[in-house]
């Protein structure tokens, strides 16, 4: 199974020059824990609720005057919608990330999260062990 089969296509984004408060408000409205940062259709970074907590709240910075570009992670790990689910899981585990943006031909196409992959991987493992169990009887 490929990521294109399960990816979220409705991508929520902010721009680097928005305030952290604006980004946080958008995340709250959309009920998401991370938001992609784009500029002119190009992926520039990623901002998580943990980034906001650690770099704004814990440091006592004002979210009304701190720009997204000041705290976003610019080193975004991404892959293609054509990536196999198991390979995506390996990428995410290797980089210790929970969300993986998907780009195709330089264009942002979607995003998957570990919670999107987990039930599919569990099902695959259950099927594998069921086959193993049947085979050994």
Protein backbone atom coordinates (compact mmCIF):
# COMPACT_ATOMS: atom_id res chain seq x y z
CA UNK A 1 0.00 0.00 0.00
CA UNK A 2 1.26 3.44 -0.91
CA UNK A 3 0.97 6.67 1.05
CA UNK A 4 -1.24 8.17 -1.68
CA UNK A 5 -3.92 5.68 -0.55
CA UNK A 6 -4.09 7.08 2.98
CA UNK A 7 -2.64 10.62 2.85
CA UNK A 8 -4.52 13.66 4.06
CA UNK A 9 -4.96 15.88 1.00
CA UNK A 10 -6.50 18.87 2.77
CA UNK A 11 -3.29 20.45 3.95
CA UNK A 12 -3.46 23.24 6.51
CA UNK A 13 -0.69 25.80 6.09
CA UNK A 14 0.58 29.10 7.41
CA UNK A 15 3.18 31.48 6.04
CA UNK A 16 6.54 32.24 7.71
CA UNK A 17 5.56 35.85 8.41
CA UNK A 18 2.42 35.01 10.41
CA UNK A 19 2.58 35.35 14.17
CA UNK A 20 2.84 32.25 16.32
CA UNK A 21 -0.53 33.19 17.86
CA UNK A 22 -2.15 33.15 14.39
CA UNK A 23 -0.61 29.75 13.69
CA UNK A 24 -1.69 28.37 17.07
CA UNK A 25 -5.24 29.65 16.52
CA UNK A 26 -5.38 27.93 13.13
CA UNK A 27 -4.07 24.69 14.65
CA UNK A 28 -6.75 24.88 17.36
CA UNK A 29 -9.52 25.55 14.83
CA UNK A 30 -8.40 22.64 12.65
CA UNK A 31 -7.75 20.37 15.67
CA UNK A 32 -4.22 19.55 14.51
CA UNK A 33 -0.90 19.31 16.33
CA UNK A 34 1.30 20.51 13.52
CA UNK A 35 1.05 22.89 10.64
CA UNK A 36 3.09 23.15 7.45
CA UNK A 37 4.73 26.46 6.63
CA UNK A 38 4.58 27.41 2.96
CA UNK A 39 5.51 30.40 0.86
CA UNK A 40 4.42 30.76 -2.76
CA UNK A 41 3.33 27.10 -2.73
CA UNK A 42 6.75 25.90 -1.58
CA UNK A 43 7.26 23.97 1.67
CA UNK A 44 9.49 26.08 3.92
CA UNK A 45 9.06 24.48 7.33
CA UNK A 46 6.92 22.73 9.88
CA UNK A 47 5.61 23.99 13.21
CA UNK A 48 4.32 21.72 15.97
CA UNK A 49 2.38 22.36 19.14
CA UNK A 50 5.48 21.16 21.00
CA UNK A 51 7.59 23.85 19.24
CA UNK A 52 5.14 26.48 20.49
CA UNK A 53 5.19 25.09 24.02
CA UNK A 54 8.96 24.77 24.27
CA UNK A 55 10.09 27.84 22.35
CA UNK A 56 7.37 30.34 23.18
CA UNK A 57 5.56 29.42 26.39
CA UNK A 58 8.54 27.92 28.28
CA UNK A 59 10.85 30.76 27.21
CA UNK A 60 8.32 33.48 28.04
CA UNK A 61 8.18 34.86 24.50
CA UNK A 62 5.12 36.76 23.28
CA UNK A 63 3.25 34.79 20.57
CA UNK A 64 1.72 38.04 19.32
CA UNK A 65 5.13 39.36 18.29
CA UNK A 66 7.05 36.19 17.47
CA UNK A 67 6.89 35.14 13.83
CA UNK A 68 6.46 31.54 12.69
CA UNK A 69 9.78 31.77 10.80
CA UNK A 70 11.59 32.41 14.11
CA UNK A 71 10.66 29.03 15.60
CA UNK A 72 9.67 26.73 12.70
CA UNK A 73 11.78 23.73 11.83
CA UNK A 74 13.28 24.41 8.39
CA UNK A 75 14.85 20.98 8.03
CA UNK A 76 11.68 19.19 6.93
CA UNK A 77 11.84 15.48 6.22
CA UNK A 78 9.43 14.57 3.43
CA UNK A 79 8.79 11.84 0.90
CA UNK A 80 6.59 11.08 -2.10
CA UNK A 81 2.97 9.90 -2.11
CA UNK A 82 4.34 6.90 -4.05
CA UNK A 83 6.32 5.73 -1.01
CA UNK A 84 5.33 2.39 0.48
CA UNK A 85 3.76 2.56 3.94
CA UNK A 86 6.43 0.38 5.54
CA UNK A 87 9.18 2.54 4.03
CA UNK A 88 7.42 5.66 5.35
CA UNK A 89 7.31 4.11 8.82
CA UNK A 90 11.06 3.46 8.61
CA UNK A 91 11.69 7.08 7.56
CA UNK A 92 9.58 8.40 10.43
CA UNK A 93 11.19 6.07 12.99
CA UNK A 94 14.69 6.87 11.72
CA UNK A 95 14.13 10.62 12.05
CA UNK A 96 11.98 10.34 15.20
CA UNK A 97 9.14 12.29 13.60
CA UNK A 98 5.39 11.79 13.79
CA UNK A 99 4.33 13.59 10.63
CA UNK A 100 5.58 13.24 7.09
CA UNK A 101 4.73 15.79 4.37
CA UNK A 102 4.37 14.38 0.86
CA UNK A 103 5.73 16.12 -2.21
CA UNK A 104 5.49 15.11 -5.84
CA UNK A 105 7.32 16.98 -8.62
CA UNK A 106 8.20 19.68 -6.09
CA UNK A 107 4.54 20.26 -5.17
CA UNK A 108 3.12 19.63 -1.71
CA UNK A 109 0.49 16.91 -2.16
CA UNK A 110 -0.45 15.79 1.34
CA UNK A 111 0.68 14.65 4.75
CA UNK A 112 0.57 11.45 6.80
CA UNK A 113 0.96 10.99 10.52
CA UNK A 114 2.06 8.07 12.63
CA UNK A 115 -1.58 7.68 13.69
CA UNK A 116 -2.50 7.20 10.01
CA UNK A 117 0.10 4.44 9.66
CA UNK A 118 -0.31 2.64 13.00
CA UNK A 119 -3.64 0.85 12.33
CA UNK A 120 -2.48 -0.29 8.89
CA UNK A 121 0.82 -1.60 10.24
CA UNK A 122 -1.01 -3.34 13.09
CA UNK A 123 -3.32 -5.00 10.57
CA UNK A 124 -0.34 -6.08 8.46
CA UNK A 125 1.37 -7.57 11.51
CA UNK A 126 -1.83 -9.34 12.61
CA UNK A 127 -2.21 -10.81 9.13
CA UNK A 128 1.44 -11.87 9.09
CA UNK A 129 1.20 -13.65 12.43
CA UNK A 130 -2.10 -15.27 11.46
CA UNK A 131 -0.46 -16.67 8.31
CA UNK A 132 2.54 -17.85 10.37
CA UNK A 133 0.18 -19.53 12.86
CA UNK A 134 -1.78 -21.30 10.11
CA UNK A 135 1.42 -22.34 8.35
CA UNK A 136 2.88 -23.94 11.48
CA UNK A 137 -0.23 -26.04 12.29
